[in-house]
C-alpha cells in the first residue's frame, strides 16, 4: 500500500506487507460485502457505500512506515 500525498504535507510512503506469507497473501487486499475494499486486517477499509465505516489501523498485515503510527491514515478505527 502506498501514498503519494496525504494532504497534510507528509512525505510519500510505502507500507509493505508483513513477512507472514500465508496470512499476508490471503488478507493483503480483498472485498468485503459488509465493508467494501479492505487492505490487510483493517489496515485500511474503504466503504464507498457508507464512508462512516471506512477506517484505518496500520500494523495488521502491513508494516507501519517509519515516522507514522497505526492511526496515521485516518486517525480512527471504528470497526472492532
Protein backbone atom coordinates (compact mmCIF):
# COMPACT_ATOMS: atom_id res chain seq x y z
CA UNK A 1 0.00 0.00 0.00
CA UNK A 2 1.35 3.48 -0.73
CA UNK A 3 0.55 7.16 -0.60
CA UNK A 4 1.91 9.82 -2.90
CA UNK A 5 0.44 12.66 -0.83
CA UNK A 6 -1.93 12.77 2.13
CA UNK A 7 -2.86 16.45 2.05
CA UNK A 8 -1.04 17.04 5.34
CA UNK A 9 2.41 17.71 3.92
CA UNK A 10 3.87 14.32 4.83
CA UNK A 11 6.32 12.61 2.54
CA UNK A 12 5.14 9.77 0.28
CA UNK A 13 5.32 6.36 1.92
CA UNK A 14 5.14 2.66 1.20
CA UNK A 15 3.59 0.28 3.74
CA UNK A 16 4.94 -3.18 2.92
CA UNK A 17 3.13 -6.45 3.59
CA UNK A 18 4.50 -8.20 6.67
CA UNK A 19 6.59 -11.31 6.18
CA UNK A 20 4.00 -13.98 7.17
CA UNK A 21 3.37 -15.16 3.60
CA UNK A 22 0.22 -17.27 4.12
CA UNK A 23 -1.87 -14.71 6.06
CA UNK A 24 -0.46 -11.79 4.08
CA UNK A 25 -1.42 -13.28 0.73
CA UNK A 26 -4.95 -14.01 1.92
CA UNK A 27 -5.55 -10.61 3.50
CA UNK A 28 -3.35 -8.12 1.64
CA UNK A 29 -6.36 -6.78 -0.27
CA UNK A 30 -9.87 -8.18 -0.62
CA UNK A 31 -13.51 -7.17 -0.95
CA UNK A 32 -15.92 -7.50 1.98
CA UNK A 33 -19.67 -7.46 1.34
CA UNK A 34 -20.13 -5.53 4.60
CA UNK A 35 -17.22 -3.06 4.47
CA UNK A 36 -16.10 -2.79 0.84
CA UNK A 37 -12.41 -2.72 -0.11
CA UNK A 38 -10.17 -3.91 2.73
CA UNK A 39 -6.38 -3.78 2.85
CA UNK A 40 -4.98 -6.12 5.49
CA UNK A 41 -6.91 -6.74 8.70
CA UNK A 42 -8.44 -3.24 8.88
CA UNK A 43 -5.11 -1.64 7.94
CA UNK A 44 -7.27 0.38 5.53
CA UNK A 45 -11.01 -0.08 4.89
CA UNK A 46 -12.71 1.97 2.16
CA UNK A 47 -16.50 1.68 2.20
CA UNK A 48 -17.88 3.84 -0.61
CA UNK A 49 -21.47 2.96 0.36
CA UNK A 50 -21.07 4.16 3.94
CA UNK A 51 -17.98 6.31 4.49
CA UNK A 52 -18.60 6.22 8.26
CA UNK A 53 -17.47 2.59 8.15
CA UNK A 54 -14.19 3.47 6.43
CA UNK A 55 -11.22 3.32 8.77
CA UNK A 56 -7.55 2.61 9.15
CA UNK A 57 -5.36 0.93 11.73
CA UNK A 58 -1.98 0.12 10.22
CA UNK A 59 0.06 -2.80 11.55
CA UNK A 60 -2.24 -5.76 10.97
CA UNK A 61 -0.88 -7.11 7.68
CA UNK A 62 1.06 -4.03 6.57
CA UNK A 63 4.15 -2.74 8.40
CA UNK A 64 3.82 0.75 9.84
CA UNK A 65 6.15 3.04 7.87
CA UNK A 66 8.84 4.91 9.78
CA UNK A 67 7.58 8.18 11.22
CA UNK A 68 3.93 7.06 11.23
CA UNK A 69 1.70 5.34 13.76
CA UNK A 70 -1.20 2.91 13.43
CA UNK A 71 -3.72 5.75 13.05
CA UNK A 72 -1.74 7.91 10.63
CA UNK A 73 -4.05 7.39 7.64
CA UNK A 74 -7.42 8.29 9.16
CA UNK A 75 -6.93 8.78 12.89
CA UNK A 76 -9.79 6.40 13.72
CA UNK A 77 -10.62 2.72 13.73
CA UNK A 78 -14.41 2.49 14.30
CA UNK A 79 -14.65 -1.17 13.26
CA UNK A 80 -13.95 -3.59 16.09
